[in-house]
Every structure is written in C-alpha cells, then in structure tokens.
Amino acid sequence: MVNRPIKKFRAANIEGAVWLNSKESENGIIGFKTVTISRSFKKKDDDTWRSEVINLRKSDLIKLQVVLNKLSNELFLSEDSYNKGD
C-alpha cells in the first residue's frame, strides 16, 4: 500500500501536504497527522527536477509561522538599503 497525502496545497514551486499516520500506544492504535513542506527546483545546467522536503508535526506549525513572519518582516519591511530586490 502506498502512503499518499490526504490533502495538498501548492503555490508555484512550494507544496504543503497533510499525511495521516498511526502508531501503537498502550490504548491501541492511534492516528495523527503530520505535514511536509517541499520546494521543487532545477539546478542550473541540469534538466532534472529536485525537491527539498521538511517533515513537521502539528506542534511545529505555529513555530514555523512565527519564524516565517519574522523573516518576512525582515525582508519586506526592513528599511535597510542593502538590497531592494529579490
């Protein structure tokens, strides 16, 4: 049986997927969800698609949101003159 995500979301080359997992506990088998975030890209002078993936648990998502918000603020709201482009 192939494990497939129960839901996917994509924005250009960034994809998020929700996975249903299970593990055995003292009360029997319990289900839980995890998330993968991936970024697809092609290396320069290479026609092969590659992907970077990070696996996260539910408790990691709020931490990731906080860090991404801080990074976005630094990149988009900072008034430094170092680099105004991407």
Protein backbone atom coordinates (compact mmCIF):
# COMPACT_ATOMS: atom_id res chain seq x y z
CA MET A 1 0.00 0.00 0.00
CA VAL A 2 1.35 3.41 -0.99
CA ASN A 3 1.06 6.13 1.64
CA ARG A 4 -0.40 9.24 -0.02
CA PRO A 5 -1.21 12.63 1.45
CA ILE A 6 -4.82 13.28 2.43
CA LYS A 7 -4.61 16.88 1.22
CA LYS A 8 -2.15 19.02 -0.78
CA PHE A 9 -1.73 22.76 -1.24
CA ARG A 10 0.57 24.36 -3.82
CA ALA A 11 1.83 27.85 -4.57
CA ALA A 12 4.17 27.78 -7.57
CA ASN A 13 7.10 25.54 -6.60
CA ILE A 14 6.17 25.30 -2.89
CA GLU A 15 3.89 22.48 -1.77
CA GLY A 16 2.41 21.52 1.57
CA ALA A 17 0.88 18.11 2.19
CA VAL A 18 -1.04 16.64 5.13
CA TRP A 19 -0.40 12.98 5.96
CA LEU A 20 -2.40 10.59 8.14
CA ASN A 21 -0.14 8.42 10.30
CA SER A 22 -0.70 5.87 13.02
CA LYS A 23 1.25 4.45 15.90
CA GLU A 24 0.63 1.84 18.52
CA SER A 25 0.10 3.03 22.07
CA GLU A 26 -0.97 1.35 25.29
CA ASN A 27 -4.58 2.15 24.34
CA GLY A 28 -4.28 0.62 20.86
CA ILE A 29 -3.50 2.22 17.54
CA ILE A 30 -3.92 5.99 17.42
CA GLY A 31 -3.98 8.21 14.36
CA PHE A 32 -2.22 11.54 13.98
CA LYS A 33 -1.43 13.94 11.17
CA THR A 34 1.91 15.31 10.03
CA VAL A 35 2.86 17.85 7.38
CA THR A 36 5.53 18.02 4.72
CA ILE A 37 6.67 21.24 3.12
CA SER A 38 8.61 20.89 -0.13
CA ARG A 39 10.29 23.17 -2.63
CA SER A 40 10.88 21.88 -6.16
CA PHE A 41 13.66 23.27 -8.33
CA LYS A 42 16.01 22.57 -11.22
CA LYS A 43 19.72 23.05 -10.74
CA LYS A 44 21.46 25.35 -13.20
CA ASP A 45 22.59 23.44 -16.32
CA ASP A 46 20.60 20.34 -15.22
CA ASP A 47 17.20 19.34 -16.59
CA THR A 48 16.33 17.14 -13.60
CA TRP A 49 13.72 18.29 -11.09
CA ARG A 50 14.83 18.10 -7.47
CA SER A 51 13.00 18.60 -4.22
CA GLU A 52 13.83 19.69 -0.68
CA VAL A 53 11.45 18.38 1.97
CA ILE A 54 10.90 19.13 5.65
CA ASN A 55 8.64 16.96 7.82
CA LEU A 56 6.71 18.65 10.62
CA ARG A 57 4.35 17.71 13.42
CA LYS A 58 1.29 19.74 14.35
CA SER A 59 3.12 21.42 17.22
CA ASP A 60 5.81 22.64 14.80
CA LEU A 61 3.43 24.63 12.59
CA ILE A 62 2.87 27.58 14.93
CA LYS A 63 6.63 27.82 15.49
CA LEU A 64 7.19 27.79 11.73
CA GLN A 65 4.57 30.53 11.31
CA VAL A 66 6.30 32.71 13.87
CA VAL A 67 9.71 32.26 12.22
CA LEU A 68 8.31 32.86 8.72
CA ASN A 69 6.56 36.04 9.88
CA LYS A 70 9.80 37.33 11.41
CA LEU A 71 11.71 36.51 8.23
CA SER A 72 9.04 38.18 6.06
CA ASN A 73 9.12 41.29 8.24
CA GLU A 74 12.89 41.47 7.94
CA LEU A 75 12.87 41.03 4.17
CA PHE A 76 9.85 43.13 3.23
CA LEU A 77 9.52 45.72 5.99
CA SER A 78 13.16 46.43 6.78
CA GLU A 79 14.28 49.91 5.77
CA ASP A 80 17.90 48.99 5.20
CA SER A 81 19.34 49.88 1.83
CA TYR A 82 21.47 46.73 1.37
CA ASN A 83 19.34 45.11 -1.32
CA LYS A 84 15.95 46.30 -2.51
CA GLY A 85 15.49 43.43 -5.00
CA ASP A 86 14.86 39.68 -4.63
